[in-house]
Amino acid sequence: MSMSKVLLALTSAALIGLTGCAGTETKPATPALTAEAAASLKAAEDAVKDATAKFALWTTADAALKAAKAAAEKGDSATVIKQSKLAQDHVKLGLAQLNYPLLKLGD
């Protein structure tokens, strides 16, 4: 067997071995949220869903919910609670805006 064939066989075997190990890595576990943070996030998700259905969702509420979800992935309960509360507050304002009188322009 020539040297180039031996080198090719060894390189191929090494690559196959490395490929087999690639899927065995484990991701570090994210810290769990507190019960209060999980409940707050669920309430914010429900509120945003309700506002969306009524066409009253403010972009700031949506952004706060996204920030809360990002914090939840990191296990940051304090930020989840803060951003979830902000989302719920802005949803309330958006829903209240539905009761404002329509602005009529002209005659």
Protein backbone atom coordinates (compact mmCIF):
# COMPACT_ATOMS: atom_id res chain seq x y z
CA MET A 1 0.00 0.00 0.00
CA SER A 2 1.41 3.39 -0.88
CA MET A 3 2.09 6.08 1.68
CA SER A 4 -0.64 8.37 0.31
CA LYS A 5 -3.27 5.61 0.64
CA VAL A 6 -2.21 4.94 4.24
CA LEU A 7 -2.37 8.66 5.02
CA LEU A 8 -5.81 8.94 3.40
CA ALA A 9 -7.10 5.94 5.37
CA LEU A 10 -5.80 7.34 8.67
CA THR A 11 -7.25 10.80 7.96
CA SER A 12 -10.61 9.30 7.05
CA ALA A 13 -10.68 7.19 10.21
CA ALA A 14 -9.83 10.21 12.34
CA LEU A 15 -12.60 12.30 10.77
CA ILE A 16 -15.15 9.54 11.26
CA GLY A 17 -14.10 9.21 14.88
CA LEU A 18 -14.42 12.96 15.48
CA THR A 19 -17.80 13.09 13.78
CA GLY A 20 -19.10 10.37 16.07
CA CYS A 21 -18.09 12.35 19.16
CA ALA A 22 -19.65 15.62 18.00
CA GLY A 23 -23.19 14.71 19.04
CA THR A 24 -22.27 13.58 22.55
CA GLU A 25 -21.63 17.04 23.98
CA THR A 26 -24.10 18.16 26.62
CA LYS A 27 -25.34 21.68 27.12
CA PRO A 28 -25.00 23.11 30.59
CA ALA A 29 -28.32 23.12 32.40
CA THR A 30 -29.98 26.50 32.68
CA PRO A 31 -30.89 27.54 36.20
CA ALA A 32 -34.53 26.99 37.04
CA LEU A 33 -36.86 29.94 37.39
CA THR A 34 -38.59 30.66 40.65
CA ALA A 35 -42.28 29.80 40.86
CA GLU A 36 -43.09 33.51 40.93
CA ALA A 37 -41.09 34.15 37.75
CA ALA A 38 -42.67 31.22 35.92
CA ALA A 39 -46.17 32.38 36.92
CA SER A 40 -45.38 35.95 35.90
CA LEU A 41 -44.09 34.82 32.51
CA LYS A 42 -47.19 32.68 31.92
CA ALA A 43 -49.46 35.61 32.84
CA ALA A 44 -47.57 37.90 30.46
CA GLU A 45 -47.83 35.37 27.64
CA ASP A 46 -51.58 35.06 28.21
CA ALA A 47 -52.02 38.84 28.35
CA VAL A 48 -50.08 39.38 25.12
CA LYS A 49 -52.09 36.63 23.44
CA ASP A 50 -55.33 38.34 24.52
CA ALA A 51 -54.18 41.76 23.31
CA THR A 52 -53.06 40.29 20.00
CA ALA A 53 -56.48 38.71 19.47
CA LYS A 54 -58.12 42.10 20.10
CA PHE A 55 -55.66 43.97 17.87
CA ALA A 56 -54.53 46.03 20.85
CA LEU A 57 -50.94 44.82 21.31
CA TRP A 58 -48.39 47.55 21.78
CA THR A 59 -44.95 46.86 20.40
CA THR A 60 -43.47 47.70 23.80
CA ALA A 61 -45.49 44.90 25.39
CA ASP A 62 -44.29 42.47 22.75
CA ALA A 63 -40.68 43.57 23.24
CA ALA A 64 -40.96 43.18 27.02
CA LEU A 65 -42.34 39.65 26.61
CA LYS A 66 -39.45 38.75 24.30
CA ALA A 67 -37.00 40.14 26.87
CA ALA A 68 -38.71 38.09 29.60
CA LYS A 69 -38.43 34.92 27.52
CA ALA A 70 -34.75 35.61 26.83
CA ALA A 71 -34.14 36.09 30.55
CA ALA A 72 -36.02 32.85 31.26
CA GLU A 73 -33.63 30.96 29.00
CA LYS A 74 -30.77 32.28 31.15
CA GLY A 75 -32.56 31.50 34.40
CA ASP A 76 -32.70 35.17 35.42
CA SER A 77 -35.88 35.20 37.53
CA ALA A 78 -35.62 38.87 38.57
CA THR A 79 -35.50 40.07 34.96
CA VAL A 80 -38.30 37.70 33.97
CA ILE A 81 -40.54 39.18 36.66
CA LYS A 82 -39.61 42.76 35.77
CA GLN A 83 -40.13 42.33 32.01
CA SER A 84 -43.29 40.25 32.45
CA LYS A 85 -44.80 42.97 34.64
CA LEU A 86 -43.89 45.60 32.05
CA ALA A 87 -45.52 43.51 29.30
CA GLN A 88 -48.69 43.09 31.37
CA ASP A 89 -48.82 46.82 32.19
CA HIS A 90 -48.49 47.76 28.52
CA VAL A 91 -51.12 45.21 27.54
CA LYS A 92 -53.52 46.82 30.02
CA LEU A 93 -52.83 50.22 28.49
CA GLY A 94 -53.33 48.89 24.98
CA LEU A 95 -56.63 47.27 25.93
CA ALA A 96 -57.76 50.47 27.67
CA GLN A 97 -56.98 52.38 24.50
CA LEU A 98 -59.70 50.40 22.74
CA ASN A 99 -62.24 52.36 24.81
CA TYR A 100 -60.96 55.75 23.68
CA PRO A 101 -63.31 57.61 21.35
CA LEU A 102 -62.48 57.47 17.69
CA LEU A 103 -60.87 60.57 16.30
CA LYS A 104 -62.96 61.98 13.51
CA LEU A 105 -61.19 64.14 10.97
CA GLY A 106 -63.20 66.62 8.91
CA ASP A 107 -66.97 66.60 8.54
